[in-house]
N, C-alpha and C. Protein backbone atom coordinates (compact mmCIF):
# COMPACT_ATOMS: atom_id res chain seq x y z
N MET A 1 17.36 -3.33 -10.78
CA MET A 1 17.59 -3.84 -9.44
C MET A 1 16.31 -4.52 -8.94
N ARG A 2 16.46 -5.71 -8.37
CA ARG A 2 15.33 -6.44 -7.83
C ARG A 2 15.39 -6.41 -6.31
N PRO A 3 14.21 -6.40 -5.67
CA PRO A 3 14.20 -6.42 -4.20
C PRO A 3 14.82 -7.70 -3.67
N LEU A 4 15.45 -7.59 -2.52
CA LEU A 4 15.98 -8.75 -1.83
C LEU A 4 14.82 -9.49 -1.18
N ALA A 5 14.71 -10.75 -1.45
CA ALA A 5 13.61 -11.54 -0.90
C ALA A 5 13.65 -11.52 0.62
N PRO A 6 12.51 -11.29 1.28
CA PRO A 6 12.48 -11.26 2.74
C PRO A 6 13.01 -12.53 3.39
N SER A 7 12.86 -13.64 2.70
CA SER A 7 13.36 -14.91 3.26
C SER A 7 14.88 -14.97 3.33
N ARG A 8 15.56 -14.01 2.70
CA ARG A 8 17.02 -14.03 2.65
C ARG A 8 17.68 -13.13 3.70
N TRP A 9 16.91 -12.48 4.56
CA TRP A 9 17.54 -11.69 5.60
C TRP A 9 16.92 -11.98 6.96
N GLN A 10 17.65 -11.66 8.00
CA GLN A 10 17.27 -11.98 9.37
C GLN A 10 16.37 -10.89 9.95
N ALA A 11 15.08 -11.00 9.72
CA ALA A 11 14.13 -9.96 10.12
C ALA A 11 14.11 -9.71 11.63
N ALA A 12 14.16 -10.75 12.42
CA ALA A 12 14.03 -10.59 13.87
C ALA A 12 15.11 -9.70 14.44
N SER A 13 16.34 -9.92 14.07
CA SER A 13 17.43 -9.11 14.63
C SER A 13 17.40 -7.67 14.13
N ILE A 14 16.90 -7.47 12.94
CA ILE A 14 16.84 -6.13 12.37
C ILE A 14 15.63 -5.35 12.90
N LEU A 15 14.49 -6.01 13.03
CA LEU A 15 13.24 -5.31 13.34
C LEU A 15 12.91 -5.18 14.82
N ARG A 16 13.44 -6.03 15.67
CA ARG A 16 13.06 -5.97 17.09
C ARG A 16 13.24 -4.58 17.72
N PRO A 17 14.31 -3.84 17.41
CA PRO A 17 14.44 -2.51 18.02
C PRO A 17 13.50 -1.46 17.41
N ALA A 18 12.89 -1.77 16.26
CA ALA A 18 12.06 -0.78 15.56
C ALA A 18 10.66 -0.72 16.15
N ARG A 19 10.04 0.44 16.06
CA ARG A 19 8.64 0.60 16.46
C ARG A 19 7.72 0.69 15.25
N ALA A 20 8.29 1.07 14.09
CA ALA A 20 7.49 1.18 12.88
C ALA A 20 8.31 0.74 11.68
N LEU A 21 7.62 0.11 10.74
CA LEU A 21 8.24 -0.34 9.50
C LEU A 21 7.36 0.11 8.35
N PHE A 22 7.96 0.77 7.37
CA PHE A 22 7.25 1.21 6.17
C PHE A 22 7.85 0.47 4.99
N VAL A 23 7.01 -0.24 4.26
CA VAL A 23 7.47 -1.00 3.11
C VAL A 23 6.40 -0.85 2.02
N SER A 24 6.84 -0.85 0.77
CA SER A 24 5.88 -0.67 -0.32
C SER A 24 5.78 -1.92 -1.16
N ASP A 25 4.77 -1.94 -2.02
CA ASP A 25 4.61 -3.06 -2.93
C ASP A 25 5.76 -3.16 -3.92
N GLU A 26 6.55 -2.11 -4.06
CA GLU A 26 7.75 -2.15 -4.90
C GLU A 26 8.93 -2.80 -4.19
N ASP A 27 8.84 -2.93 -2.86
CA ASP A 27 9.93 -3.47 -2.06
C ASP A 27 9.89 -4.98 -1.90
N LEU A 28 8.72 -5.57 -2.10
CA LEU A 28 8.55 -7.00 -1.84
C LEU A 28 8.11 -7.74 -3.10
N PRO A 29 8.70 -8.90 -3.36
CA PRO A 29 8.19 -9.72 -4.45
C PRO A 29 6.75 -10.14 -4.10
N PRO A 30 5.83 -10.04 -5.04
CA PRO A 30 4.42 -10.35 -4.73
C PRO A 30 4.20 -11.71 -4.06
N GLU A 31 4.97 -12.70 -4.47
CA GLU A 31 4.79 -14.04 -3.91
C GLU A 31 5.28 -14.15 -2.46
N GLU A 32 6.02 -13.16 -1.97
CA GLU A 32 6.52 -13.20 -0.59
C GLU A 32 5.85 -12.16 0.32
N LYS A 33 5.00 -11.33 -0.23
CA LYS A 33 4.38 -10.26 0.54
C LYS A 33 3.66 -10.78 1.78
N ASP A 34 2.72 -11.69 1.59
CA ASP A 34 1.91 -12.17 2.72
C ASP A 34 2.76 -12.81 3.81
N SER A 35 3.71 -13.65 3.43
CA SER A 35 4.52 -14.31 4.45
C SER A 35 5.43 -13.30 5.17
N ALA A 36 5.96 -12.34 4.43
CA ALA A 36 6.83 -11.33 5.06
C ALA A 36 6.04 -10.48 6.05
N LEU A 37 4.87 -10.00 5.65
CA LEU A 37 4.08 -9.15 6.55
C LEU A 37 3.62 -9.94 7.77
N THR A 38 3.28 -11.20 7.58
CA THR A 38 2.89 -12.05 8.71
C THR A 38 4.06 -12.26 9.66
N GLN A 39 5.25 -12.42 9.12
CA GLN A 39 6.45 -12.63 9.94
C GLN A 39 6.84 -11.34 10.67
N TRP A 40 6.73 -10.21 10.00
CA TRP A 40 7.19 -8.94 10.58
C TRP A 40 6.21 -8.34 11.58
N SER A 41 4.95 -8.57 11.38
CA SER A 41 3.92 -7.93 12.21
C SER A 41 4.14 -8.14 13.71
N PRO A 42 4.47 -9.34 14.19
CA PRO A 42 4.69 -9.50 15.64
C PRO A 42 5.97 -8.84 16.15
N LEU A 43 6.87 -8.49 15.24
CA LEU A 43 8.17 -7.93 15.64
C LEU A 43 8.15 -6.42 15.79
N VAL A 44 7.20 -5.76 15.13
CA VAL A 44 7.16 -4.29 15.08
C VAL A 44 5.76 -3.83 15.46
N GLU A 45 5.67 -2.81 16.28
CA GLU A 45 4.37 -2.31 16.71
C GLU A 45 3.48 -1.90 15.55
N VAL A 46 4.06 -1.19 14.56
CA VAL A 46 3.31 -0.72 13.41
C VAL A 46 4.03 -1.14 12.13
N VAL A 47 3.28 -1.78 11.23
CA VAL A 47 3.80 -2.11 9.89
C VAL A 47 2.86 -1.46 8.89
N ALA A 48 3.43 -0.64 8.02
CA ALA A 48 2.65 0.01 6.96
C ALA A 48 3.12 -0.53 5.61
N PHE A 49 2.18 -1.12 4.88
CA PHE A 49 2.48 -1.66 3.55
C PHE A 49 1.74 -0.79 2.54
N THR A 50 2.47 0.10 1.88
CA THR A 50 1.86 1.04 0.94
C THR A 50 1.80 0.41 -0.44
N GLN A 51 0.71 0.76 -1.16
CA GLN A 51 0.44 0.17 -2.46
C GLN A 51 0.04 1.21 -3.49
N GLY A 52 0.63 2.39 -3.41
CA GLY A 52 0.36 3.43 -4.40
C GLY A 52 -1.12 3.77 -4.47
N ALA A 53 -1.66 3.75 -5.67
CA ALA A 53 -3.07 4.11 -5.88
C ALA A 53 -4.05 3.12 -5.24
N HIS A 54 -3.53 2.00 -4.74
CA HIS A 54 -4.38 1.01 -4.09
C HIS A 54 -4.41 1.19 -2.57
N GLY A 55 -3.84 2.28 -2.07
CA GLY A 55 -3.90 2.57 -0.65
C GLY A 55 -2.80 1.90 0.15
N ALA A 56 -3.11 1.56 1.39
CA ALA A 56 -2.12 0.96 2.28
C ALA A 56 -2.80 0.04 3.27
N ASP A 57 -2.07 -0.99 3.65
CA ASP A 57 -2.49 -1.87 4.74
C ASP A 57 -1.63 -1.52 5.95
N ILE A 58 -2.29 -1.32 7.07
CA ILE A 58 -1.59 -0.92 8.30
C ILE A 58 -1.82 -1.99 9.35
N GLY A 59 -0.74 -2.52 9.89
CA GLY A 59 -0.82 -3.47 10.98
C GLY A 59 -0.39 -2.79 12.26
N HIS A 60 -1.23 -2.88 13.28
CA HIS A 60 -0.90 -2.31 14.59
C HIS A 60 -1.13 -3.39 15.64
N ARG A 61 -0.01 -3.86 16.21
CA ARG A 61 -0.07 -4.91 17.23
C ARG A 61 -0.92 -6.09 16.76
N GLY A 62 -0.72 -6.48 15.51
CA GLY A 62 -1.40 -7.64 14.97
C GLY A 62 -2.77 -7.39 14.37
N ARG A 63 -3.32 -6.21 14.57
CA ARG A 63 -4.62 -5.87 13.97
C ARG A 63 -4.36 -5.12 12.67
N TRP A 64 -4.94 -5.59 11.59
CA TRP A 64 -4.72 -4.99 10.28
C TRP A 64 -5.96 -4.26 9.80
N ARG A 65 -5.71 -3.11 9.18
CA ARG A 65 -6.77 -2.34 8.53
C ARG A 65 -6.23 -1.82 7.20
N HIS A 66 -7.15 -1.48 6.33
CA HIS A 66 -6.79 -0.93 5.01
C HIS A 66 -7.31 0.50 4.92
N ILE A 67 -6.52 1.34 4.28
CA ILE A 67 -7.00 2.67 3.93
C ILE A 67 -6.84 2.84 2.43
N ASP A 68 -7.91 3.26 1.78
CA ASP A 68 -7.85 3.53 0.35
C ASP A 68 -7.01 4.78 0.12
N ALA A 69 -6.48 4.89 -1.08
CA ALA A 69 -5.78 6.12 -1.46
C ALA A 69 -6.81 7.24 -1.60
N PHE A 70 -6.43 8.43 -1.22
CA PHE A 70 -7.29 9.59 -1.44
C PHE A 70 -7.31 9.89 -2.93
N PRO A 71 -8.39 10.44 -3.45
CA PRO A 71 -8.43 10.81 -4.86
C PRO A 71 -7.29 11.78 -5.19
N ALA A 72 -6.63 11.53 -6.30
CA ALA A 72 -5.52 12.39 -6.71
C ALA A 72 -5.35 12.31 -8.23
N ARG A 73 -4.79 13.37 -8.77
CA ARG A 73 -4.46 13.44 -10.20
C ARG A 73 -2.97 13.16 -10.31
N LEU A 74 -2.62 11.95 -10.74
CA LEU A 74 -1.23 11.51 -10.76
C LEU A 74 -0.40 12.28 -11.78
N VAL A 75 0.67 12.91 -11.29
CA VAL A 75 1.66 13.57 -12.13
C VAL A 75 3.00 12.86 -11.97
N GLU A 76 3.41 12.65 -10.70
CA GLU A 76 4.71 12.04 -10.42
C GLU A 76 4.64 11.34 -9.06
N PRO A 77 4.76 10.00 -9.02
CA PRO A 77 4.64 9.28 -7.75
C PRO A 77 5.88 9.30 -6.87
N THR A 78 7.01 9.77 -7.40
CA THR A 78 8.25 9.76 -6.61
C THR A 78 8.09 10.56 -5.33
N GLY A 79 8.45 9.95 -4.23
CA GLY A 79 8.41 10.62 -2.94
C GLY A 79 7.16 10.38 -2.13
N ALA A 80 6.14 9.78 -2.74
CA ALA A 80 4.89 9.58 -2.02
C ALA A 80 5.07 8.67 -0.80
N GLY A 81 5.86 7.62 -0.94
CA GLY A 81 6.09 6.72 0.19
C GLY A 81 6.86 7.38 1.32
N ASP A 82 7.83 8.20 0.97
CA ASP A 82 8.60 8.92 1.99
C ASP A 82 7.72 9.92 2.73
N VAL A 83 6.89 10.62 1.99
CA VAL A 83 5.98 11.58 2.64
C VAL A 83 4.95 10.84 3.47
N PHE A 84 4.47 9.69 2.99
CA PHE A 84 3.54 8.88 3.77
C PHE A 84 4.17 8.56 5.13
N ALA A 85 5.39 8.06 5.11
CA ALA A 85 6.07 7.66 6.35
C ALA A 85 6.26 8.85 7.28
N ALA A 86 6.75 9.96 6.75
CA ALA A 86 6.99 11.14 7.59
C ALA A 86 5.68 11.67 8.18
N ALA A 87 4.66 11.79 7.34
CA ALA A 87 3.37 12.31 7.81
C ALA A 87 2.76 11.36 8.85
N PHE A 88 2.89 10.07 8.62
CA PHE A 88 2.37 9.08 9.57
C PHE A 88 3.02 9.27 10.93
N LEU A 89 4.34 9.35 10.96
CA LEU A 89 5.04 9.47 12.24
C LEU A 89 4.74 10.79 12.95
N ILE A 90 4.62 11.85 12.19
CA ILE A 90 4.28 13.15 12.79
C ILE A 90 2.90 13.07 13.44
N ARG A 91 1.92 12.56 12.69
CA ARG A 91 0.56 12.53 13.21
C ARG A 91 0.41 11.50 14.34
N LEU A 92 1.15 10.41 14.27
CA LEU A 92 1.12 9.43 15.36
C LEU A 92 1.66 10.06 16.64
N TRP A 93 2.73 10.82 16.54
CA TRP A 93 3.29 11.49 17.70
C TRP A 93 2.29 12.51 18.27
N GLU A 94 1.58 13.22 17.40
CA GLU A 94 0.62 14.23 17.84
C GLU A 94 -0.64 13.61 18.46
N ALA A 95 -1.24 12.66 17.75
CA ALA A 95 -2.56 12.16 18.13
C ALA A 95 -2.52 10.85 18.92
N LYS A 96 -1.40 10.13 18.86
CA LYS A 96 -1.29 8.83 19.53
C LYS A 96 -2.34 7.84 19.02
N ASP A 97 -2.76 7.98 17.76
CA ASP A 97 -3.78 7.12 17.16
C ASP A 97 -3.28 6.63 15.81
N VAL A 98 -3.02 5.34 15.70
CA VAL A 98 -2.45 4.76 14.49
C VAL A 98 -3.37 4.96 13.29
N TRP A 99 -4.67 4.76 13.47
CA TRP A 99 -5.60 4.84 12.34
C TRP A 99 -5.74 6.28 11.86
N GLU A 100 -5.74 7.22 12.77
CA GLU A 100 -5.77 8.63 12.38
C GLU A 100 -4.47 9.00 11.66
N ALA A 101 -3.35 8.48 12.15
CA ALA A 101 -2.07 8.74 11.50
C ALA A 101 -2.05 8.17 10.08
N ALA A 102 -2.64 7.00 9.89
CA ALA A 102 -2.69 6.40 8.56
C ALA A 102 -3.52 7.25 7.60
N ARG A 103 -4.63 7.75 8.07
CA ARG A 103 -5.49 8.61 7.24
C ARG A 103 -4.74 9.89 6.85
N PHE A 104 -4.09 10.50 7.81
CA PHE A 104 -3.32 11.72 7.58
C PHE A 104 -2.21 11.46 6.56
N ALA A 105 -1.51 10.33 6.72
CA ALA A 105 -0.41 9.98 5.82
C ALA A 105 -0.89 9.72 4.41
N ALA A 106 -1.99 8.98 4.28
CA ALA A 106 -2.54 8.70 2.95
C ALA A 106 -2.95 10.00 2.25
N CYS A 107 -3.49 10.91 3.01
CA CYS A 107 -3.88 12.20 2.46
C CYS A 107 -2.65 12.98 1.99
N ALA A 108 -1.63 13.03 2.81
CA ALA A 108 -0.40 13.74 2.44
C ALA A 108 0.22 13.15 1.18
N ALA A 109 0.25 11.82 1.10
CA ALA A 109 0.82 11.15 -0.07
C ALA A 109 0.02 11.48 -1.33
N SER A 110 -1.28 11.62 -1.19
CA SER A 110 -2.11 11.93 -2.37
C SER A 110 -1.79 13.30 -2.94
N LEU A 111 -1.39 14.21 -2.09
CA LEU A 111 -1.02 15.55 -2.55
C LEU A 111 0.34 15.56 -3.23
N VAL A 112 1.24 14.72 -2.76
CA VAL A 112 2.59 14.66 -3.32
C VAL A 112 2.57 14.23 -4.77
N VAL A 113 1.72 13.28 -5.11
CA VAL A 113 1.74 12.73 -6.47
C VAL A 113 1.18 13.69 -7.51
N GLU A 114 0.60 14.79 -7.08
CA GLU A 114 -0.02 15.73 -8.01
C GLU A 114 0.93 16.78 -8.56
N ARG A 115 2.16 16.79 -8.06
CA ARG A 115 3.14 17.78 -8.53
C ARG A 115 4.51 17.13 -8.60
N GLU A 116 5.46 17.83 -9.20
CA GLU A 116 6.82 17.32 -9.31
C GLU A 116 7.74 18.00 -8.31
N GLY A 117 8.76 17.27 -7.89
CA GLY A 117 9.82 17.84 -7.07
C GLY A 117 9.40 18.16 -5.65
N THR A 118 10.27 18.93 -4.99
CA THR A 118 10.01 19.26 -3.58
C THR A 118 8.83 20.20 -3.40
N ALA A 119 8.42 20.88 -4.45
CA ALA A 119 7.23 21.73 -4.37
C ALA A 119 5.98 20.88 -4.10
N ALA A 120 6.09 19.58 -4.34
CA ALA A 120 4.95 18.69 -4.14
C ALA A 120 4.69 18.39 -2.67
N VAL A 121 5.67 18.58 -1.81
CA VAL A 121 5.48 18.28 -0.39
C VAL A 121 4.41 19.23 0.16
N PRO A 122 3.30 18.67 0.66
CA PRO A 122 2.18 19.53 1.04
C PRO A 122 2.38 20.23 2.39
N SER A 123 1.67 21.33 2.54
CA SER A 123 1.63 22.03 3.82
C SER A 123 0.58 21.38 4.70
N ARG A 124 0.63 21.68 5.97
CA ARG A 124 -0.38 21.17 6.91
C ARG A 124 -1.77 21.63 6.49
N ASP A 125 -1.89 22.89 6.06
CA ASP A 125 -3.19 23.41 5.63
C ASP A 125 -3.74 22.64 4.43
N GLN A 126 -2.88 22.29 3.49
CA GLN A 126 -3.32 21.52 2.32
C GLN A 126 -3.81 20.13 2.73
N ILE A 127 -3.10 19.50 3.63
CA ILE A 127 -3.51 18.17 4.10
C ILE A 127 -4.85 18.26 4.80
N GLU A 128 -4.98 19.20 5.71
CA GLU A 128 -6.23 19.31 6.48
C GLU A 128 -7.41 19.67 5.59
N ALA A 129 -7.18 20.48 4.57
CA ALA A 129 -8.27 20.81 3.63
C ALA A 129 -8.74 19.57 2.89
N ARG A 130 -7.80 18.75 2.41
CA ARG A 130 -8.19 17.53 1.69
C ARG A 130 -8.85 16.52 2.64
N LEU A 131 -8.39 16.45 3.87
CA LEU A 131 -9.04 15.56 4.85
C LEU A 131 -10.51 15.94 5.01
N ARG A 132 -10.79 17.23 5.07
CA ARG A 132 -12.18 17.69 5.20
C ARG A 132 -12.99 17.39 3.94
N GLN A 133 -12.34 17.44 2.78
CA GLN A 133 -13.03 17.17 1.51
C GLN A 133 -13.42 15.70 1.36
N HIS A 134 -12.72 14.83 2.04
CA HIS A 134 -12.93 13.39 1.86
C HIS A 134 -13.10 12.66 3.19
N PRO A 135 -14.18 12.96 3.92
CA PRO A 135 -14.40 12.28 5.20
C PRO A 135 -14.67 10.79 5.03
N GLU A 136 -15.01 10.36 3.82
CA GLU A 136 -15.31 8.95 3.58
C GLU A 136 -14.06 8.07 3.56
N THR A 137 -12.90 8.66 3.40
CA THR A 137 -11.67 7.88 3.33
C THR A 137 -11.15 7.63 4.74
N VAL A 138 -11.37 6.41 5.21
CA VAL A 138 -10.99 6.02 6.58
C VAL A 138 -10.38 4.62 6.57
N CYS A 139 -9.72 4.28 7.65
CA CYS A 139 -9.20 2.92 7.80
C CYS A 139 -10.37 1.98 8.09
N ARG A 140 -10.35 0.85 7.42
CA ARG A 140 -11.39 -0.14 7.65
C ARG A 140 -10.76 -1.53 7.78
N PRO A 141 -11.38 -2.37 8.59
CA PRO A 141 -10.84 -3.74 8.76
C PRO A 141 -10.84 -4.52 7.45
């Protein structure tokens, strides 16, 4: 199955009601990534473009920053994007800070890839411990 090219769907009508959009490098054809993110960014308050071991680009009201992936021992990447999105939204609701939410989400995703199945979903304590271990991993312009 190949991703549907962003140019083939009506982004404005779909995205205007949304406050956040999570999309991965597996969802977009590489040649359309930049134009799609540029088109979507004004429509949605937060756009998160995850790139697996290459981290994520986060757009907030037109301002973009990158967060590197936290160090992790890759076992199984399935579910990392879903956990990233859930952790991001939880932390955004708690802290009201997009960049802090991105850091929290990247950390949670790094824990997911180290195990298989639902046992891989990290606890809050596991996330906070890894955050303390890696203070250098932050969002940067």
